[in-house]
Amino acid sequence: MEQVYRFSTGNERAVEKVIQDENIHYIHMVFGAGEGLPVHTTNAVVYMTVVRGTLRLRLGGGEAREYPNGTVVRIPKGMLMDASNAGGTTMELIVVKAPAPAAQA
């Protein structure tokens, strides 16, 4: 039978690991103006869907680029990534890692 998952729908900062299994990691994120993720290296292929706002993304130490709502960005595994909210309003993302990263020992 089906499984049902829920995530927040407000404007409060959130990083919600909605689904984390052997197939996929599905993460819901909400950031206010100027907020974002710590700089890190991706541990899987990452698909970032910009639901609201504007994503500022700097990959591999290169130039920052901005992506508006309605954009899906694919990021390779092993890429240095700096992701943040580029706008003055709330930014909402759905992040999918597929296949799911291998479990850490």
N, C-alpha and C. Protein backbone atom coordinates (compact mmCIF):
# COMPACT_ATOMS: atom_id res chain seq x y z
N MET A 1 0.83 -1.18 0.00
CA MET A 1 0.00 0.00 0.00
C MET A 1 0.88 1.25 0.00
N GLU A 2 0.24 2.38 -0.20
CA GLU A 2 0.98 3.64 -0.27
C GLU A 2 1.54 4.04 1.09
N GLN A 3 2.58 4.85 1.03
CA GLN A 3 3.11 5.51 2.21
C GLN A 3 2.91 7.00 1.99
N VAL A 4 2.58 7.71 3.04
CA VAL A 4 2.32 9.15 2.94
C VAL A 4 3.35 9.89 3.79
N TYR A 5 3.91 10.94 3.21
CA TYR A 5 4.90 11.77 3.89
C TYR A 5 4.40 13.20 3.88
N ARG A 6 4.73 13.95 4.92
CA ARG A 6 4.31 15.35 4.99
C ARG A 6 5.52 16.23 5.27
N PHE A 7 5.41 17.49 4.82
CA PHE A 7 6.44 18.49 5.13
C PHE A 7 5.75 19.79 5.45
N SER A 8 6.48 20.73 6.04
CA SER A 8 5.91 22.02 6.45
C SER A 8 5.50 22.84 5.23
N THR A 9 4.61 23.77 5.45
CA THR A 9 4.12 24.63 4.36
C THR A 9 4.26 26.11 4.70
N GLY A 10 4.98 26.43 5.76
CA GLY A 10 5.10 27.83 6.17
C GLY A 10 6.35 28.50 5.64
N ASN A 11 6.69 29.63 6.26
CA ASN A 11 7.84 30.42 5.87
C ASN A 11 9.01 30.28 6.85
N GLU A 12 8.86 29.45 7.88
CA GLU A 12 9.91 29.29 8.87
C GLU A 12 11.06 28.46 8.29
N ARG A 13 12.29 28.79 8.68
CA ARG A 13 13.46 28.05 8.22
C ARG A 13 13.24 26.56 8.49
N ALA A 14 13.55 25.74 7.51
CA ALA A 14 13.36 24.30 7.66
C ALA A 14 14.33 23.54 6.76
N VAL A 15 14.84 22.44 7.27
CA VAL A 15 15.55 21.44 6.48
C VAL A 15 14.96 20.11 6.95
N GLU A 16 14.01 19.61 6.17
CA GLU A 16 13.25 18.43 6.57
C GLU A 16 13.60 17.24 5.68
N LYS A 17 14.14 16.20 6.29
CA LYS A 17 14.46 14.97 5.57
C LYS A 17 13.17 14.15 5.48
N VAL A 18 12.40 14.42 4.46
CA VAL A 18 11.06 13.84 4.31
C VAL A 18 11.15 12.34 4.06
N ILE A 19 12.00 11.93 3.14
CA ILE A 19 12.21 10.51 2.83
C ILE A 19 13.71 10.26 2.78
N GLN A 20 14.15 9.24 3.50
CA GLN A 20 15.55 8.81 3.42
C GLN A 20 15.55 7.30 3.48
N ASP A 21 15.59 6.67 2.32
CA ASP A 21 15.68 5.22 2.27
C ASP A 21 16.76 4.81 1.28
N GLU A 22 16.83 3.54 0.95
CA GLU A 22 17.90 3.05 0.08
C GLU A 22 17.74 3.51 -1.36
N ASN A 23 16.58 4.06 -1.73
CA ASN A 23 16.32 4.47 -3.11
C ASN A 23 16.54 5.96 -3.36
N ILE A 24 16.12 6.77 -2.41
CA ILE A 24 16.07 8.21 -2.64
C ILE A 24 16.17 8.97 -1.32
N HIS A 25 16.74 10.15 -1.39
CA HIS A 25 16.64 11.12 -0.30
C HIS A 25 15.85 12.30 -0.85
N TYR A 26 14.78 12.66 -0.17
CA TYR A 26 13.87 13.72 -0.59
C TYR A 26 13.82 14.71 0.57
N ILE A 27 14.35 15.91 0.33
CA ILE A 27 14.52 16.89 1.41
C ILE A 27 13.80 18.18 1.05
N HIS A 28 13.05 18.70 1.99
CA HIS A 28 12.33 19.97 1.82
C HIS A 28 13.10 21.04 2.60
N MET A 29 13.37 22.18 1.96
CA MET A 29 14.14 23.25 2.60
C MET A 29 13.45 24.59 2.41
N VAL A 30 13.46 25.39 3.47
CA VAL A 30 12.93 26.75 3.43
C VAL A 30 13.97 27.66 4.08
N PHE A 31 14.35 28.73 3.36
CA PHE A 31 15.34 29.68 3.87
C PHE A 31 14.83 31.10 3.71
N GLY A 32 15.08 31.92 4.72
CA GLY A 32 14.78 33.33 4.64
C GLY A 32 15.86 34.07 3.87
N ALA A 33 15.69 35.36 3.71
CA ALA A 33 16.65 36.19 2.98
C ALA A 33 18.04 36.03 3.57
N GLY A 34 19.02 35.76 2.69
CA GLY A 34 20.42 35.64 3.10
C GLY A 34 20.80 34.32 3.74
N GLU A 35 19.85 33.44 3.97
CA GLU A 35 20.15 32.14 4.59
C GLU A 35 20.50 31.11 3.52
N GLY A 36 21.09 30.00 3.95
CA GLY A 36 21.41 28.94 3.02
C GLY A 36 22.08 27.78 3.70
N LEU A 37 22.64 26.91 2.89
CA LEU A 37 23.34 25.73 3.38
C LEU A 37 24.80 26.05 3.65
N PRO A 38 25.45 25.29 4.55
CA PRO A 38 26.89 25.43 4.67
C PRO A 38 27.55 24.93 3.38
N VAL A 39 28.70 25.47 3.05
CA VAL A 39 29.44 25.01 1.88
C VAL A 39 29.83 23.55 2.15
N HIS A 40 29.56 22.68 1.17
CA HIS A 40 29.86 21.26 1.33
C HIS A 40 30.03 20.60 -0.03
N THR A 41 30.53 19.37 0.00
CA THR A 41 30.70 18.57 -1.21
C THR A 41 29.53 17.61 -1.31
N THR A 42 28.90 17.55 -2.47
CA THR A 42 27.74 16.67 -2.65
C THR A 42 28.14 15.21 -2.52
N ASN A 43 27.29 14.43 -1.85
CA ASN A 43 27.57 13.01 -1.64
C ASN A 43 26.75 12.11 -2.57
N ALA A 44 26.06 12.72 -3.53
CA ALA A 44 25.24 12.00 -4.51
C ALA A 44 24.93 12.98 -5.64
N VAL A 45 24.34 12.49 -6.71
CA VAL A 45 23.77 13.39 -7.72
C VAL A 45 22.60 14.09 -7.04
N VAL A 46 22.53 15.41 -7.17
CA VAL A 46 21.52 16.21 -6.48
C VAL A 46 20.67 16.95 -7.51
N TYR A 47 19.35 16.89 -7.33
CA TYR A 47 18.41 17.66 -8.14
C TYR A 47 17.75 18.67 -7.21
N MET A 48 17.96 19.95 -7.48
CA MET A 48 17.36 21.01 -6.65
C MET A 48 16.25 21.68 -7.44
N THR A 49 15.04 21.61 -6.91
CA THR A 49 13.89 22.25 -7.52
C THR A 49 13.59 23.52 -6.73
N VAL A 50 13.60 24.66 -7.41
CA VAL A 50 13.29 25.93 -6.77
C VAL A 50 11.77 26.11 -6.83
N VAL A 51 11.11 25.98 -5.69
CA VAL A 51 9.65 26.09 -5.61
C VAL A 51 9.23 27.55 -5.47
N ARG A 52 9.96 28.30 -4.63
CA ARG A 52 9.70 29.73 -4.42
C ARG A 52 11.02 30.44 -4.28
N GLY A 53 11.04 31.70 -4.69
CA GLY A 53 12.22 32.53 -4.50
C GLY A 53 13.28 32.31 -5.57
N THR A 54 14.51 32.69 -5.21
CA THR A 54 15.64 32.60 -6.14
C THR A 54 16.82 31.94 -5.44
N LEU A 55 17.33 30.89 -6.05
CA LEU A 55 18.48 30.15 -5.53
C LEU A 55 19.76 30.75 -6.10
N ARG A 56 20.72 31.03 -5.22
CA ARG A 56 22.06 31.43 -5.65
C ARG A 56 22.95 30.20 -5.43
N LEU A 57 23.61 29.78 -6.49
CA LEU A 57 24.38 28.55 -6.44
C LEU A 57 25.77 28.79 -6.99
N ARG A 58 26.79 28.41 -6.20
CA ARG A 58 28.18 28.49 -6.64
C ARG A 58 28.71 27.05 -6.58
N LEU A 59 29.18 26.55 -7.71
CA LEU A 59 29.65 25.17 -7.79
C LEU A 59 31.14 25.12 -8.10
N GLY A 60 31.86 24.26 -7.39
CA GLY A 60 33.27 24.05 -7.65
C GLY A 60 34.12 25.30 -7.53
N GLY A 61 33.68 26.27 -6.73
CA GLY A 61 34.44 27.50 -6.55
C GLY A 61 34.30 28.48 -7.71
N GLY A 62 33.41 28.18 -8.65
CA GLY A 62 33.21 29.06 -9.81
C GLY A 62 32.32 30.25 -9.48
N GLU A 63 31.86 30.90 -10.51
CA GLU A 63 30.99 32.07 -10.37
C GLU A 63 29.61 31.66 -9.85
N ALA A 64 29.01 32.49 -9.03
CA ALA A 64 27.65 32.24 -8.54
C ALA A 64 26.65 32.49 -9.67
N ARG A 65 25.64 31.64 -9.74
CA ARG A 65 24.55 31.80 -10.69
C ARG A 65 23.24 31.80 -9.92
N GLU A 66 22.24 32.45 -10.48
CA GLU A 66 20.95 32.52 -9.82
C GLU A 66 19.89 31.81 -10.64
N TYR A 67 19.00 31.10 -9.93
CA TYR A 67 17.94 30.31 -10.57
C TYR A 67 16.61 30.66 -9.93
N PRO A 68 15.62 31.09 -10.74
CA PRO A 68 14.31 31.49 -10.21
C PRO A 68 13.42 30.28 -9.94
N ASN A 69 12.29 30.56 -9.28
CA ASN A 69 11.32 29.49 -9.05
C ASN A 69 10.91 28.86 -10.38
N GLY A 70 10.60 27.57 -10.33
CA GLY A 70 10.26 26.83 -11.53
C GLY A 70 11.46 26.22 -12.23
N THR A 71 12.64 26.27 -11.59
CA THR A 71 13.87 25.74 -12.18
C THR A 71 14.29 24.48 -11.43
N VAL A 72 14.77 23.48 -12.17
CA VAL A 72 15.40 22.30 -11.58
C VAL A 72 16.86 22.30 -12.01
N VAL A 73 17.76 22.20 -11.04
CA VAL A 73 19.20 22.21 -11.30
C VAL A 73 19.77 20.85 -10.90
N ARG A 74 20.49 20.20 -11.82
CA ARG A 74 21.16 18.93 -11.53
C ARG A 74 22.61 19.21 -11.20
N ILE A 75 23.07 18.66 -10.06
CA ILE A 75 24.43 18.88 -9.59
C ILE A 75 25.13 17.52 -9.46
N PRO A 76 26.29 17.36 -10.07
CA PRO A 76 26.98 16.07 -10.01
C PRO A 76 27.46 15.72 -8.60
N LYS A 77 27.66 14.43 -8.37
CA LYS A 77 28.24 13.94 -7.13
C LYS A 77 29.69 14.43 -7.04
N GLY A 78 30.13 14.78 -5.81
CA GLY A 78 31.51 15.20 -5.58
C GLY A 78 31.78 16.65 -5.89
N MET A 79 30.73 17.46 -6.08
CA MET A 79 30.88 18.87 -6.43
C MET A 79 30.86 19.74 -5.16
N LEU A 80 31.81 20.66 -5.04
CA LEU A 80 31.78 21.63 -3.96
C LEU A 80 30.61 22.58 -4.24
N MET A 81 29.73 22.76 -3.26
CA MET A 81 28.49 23.51 -3.48
C MET A 81 28.26 24.54 -2.38
N ASP A 82 27.88 25.74 -2.81
CA ASP A 82 27.49 26.82 -1.92
C ASP A 82 26.12 27.29 -2.40
N ALA A 83 25.07 27.00 -1.62
CA ALA A 83 23.70 27.31 -2.03
C ALA A 83 23.05 28.23 -0.99
N SER A 84 22.41 29.32 -1.48
CA SER A 84 21.77 30.25 -0.57
C SER A 84 20.60 30.95 -1.26
N ASN A 85 19.83 31.66 -0.45
CA ASN A 85 18.70 32.44 -0.92
C ASN A 85 19.23 33.77 -1.47
N ALA A 86 19.00 34.01 -2.75
CA ALA A 86 19.50 35.23 -3.38
C ALA A 86 18.54 36.41 -3.26
N GLY A 87 17.32 36.16 -2.84
CA GLY A 87 16.31 37.22 -2.84
C GLY A 87 15.99 37.75 -1.46
N GLY A 88 15.08 38.69 -1.43
CA GLY A 88 14.64 39.31 -0.18
C GLY A 88 13.40 38.64 0.39
N THR A 89 12.94 37.58 -0.23
CA THR A 89 11.77 36.85 0.25
C THR A 89 12.16 35.41 0.57
N THR A 90 11.23 34.64 1.04
CA THR A 90 11.46 33.24 1.38
C THR A 90 11.80 32.43 0.13
N MET A 91 12.78 31.51 0.27
CA MET A 91 13.12 30.58 -0.80
C MET A 91 12.75 29.18 -0.31
N GLU A 92 12.12 28.41 -1.18
CA GLU A 92 11.74 27.04 -0.86
C GLU A 92 12.30 26.10 -1.92
N LEU A 93 12.92 25.01 -1.47
CA LEU A 93 13.53 24.04 -2.36
C LEU A 93 13.03 22.64 -2.04
N ILE A 94 12.97 21.80 -3.06
CA ILE A 94 12.87 20.36 -2.89
C ILE A 94 14.18 19.81 -3.43
N VAL A 95 14.89 19.06 -2.61
CA VAL A 95 16.17 18.48 -3.00
C VAL A 95 16.01 16.97 -3.05
N VAL A 96 16.39 16.39 -4.19
CA VAL A 96 16.32 14.94 -4.38
C VAL A 96 17.72 14.43 -4.66
N LYS A 97 18.13 13.42 -3.89
CA LYS A 97 19.40 12.74 -4.13
C LYS A 97 19.04 11.35 -4.65
N ALA A 98 19.42 11.09 -5.90
CA ALA A 98 19.06 9.82 -6.50
C ALA A 98 20.18 9.38 -7.44
N PRO A 99 20.69 8.17 -7.28
CA PRO A 99 20.30 7.25 -6.20
C PRO A 99 20.74 7.80 -4.85
N ALA A 100 20.14 7.25 -3.79
CA ALA A 100 20.46 7.70 -2.44
C ALA A 100 21.95 7.46 -2.16
N PRO A 101 22.58 8.38 -1.41
CA PRO A 101 23.98 8.17 -1.07
C PRO A 101 24.15 6.90 -0.23
N ALA A 102 25.29 6.28 -0.36
CA ALA A 102 25.59 5.08 0.43
C ALA A 102 25.62 5.45 1.91
N ALA A 103 25.18 4.53 2.73
CA ALA A 103 25.16 4.76 4.18
C ALA A 103 26.58 4.97 4.69
N GLN A 104 26.73 5.91 5.61
CA GLN A 104 28.03 6.20 6.20
C GLN A 104 28.30 5.16 7.30
N ALA A 105 29.49 4.63 7.35
CA ALA A 105 29.84 3.61 8.35
C ALA A 105 30.25 4.26 9.66
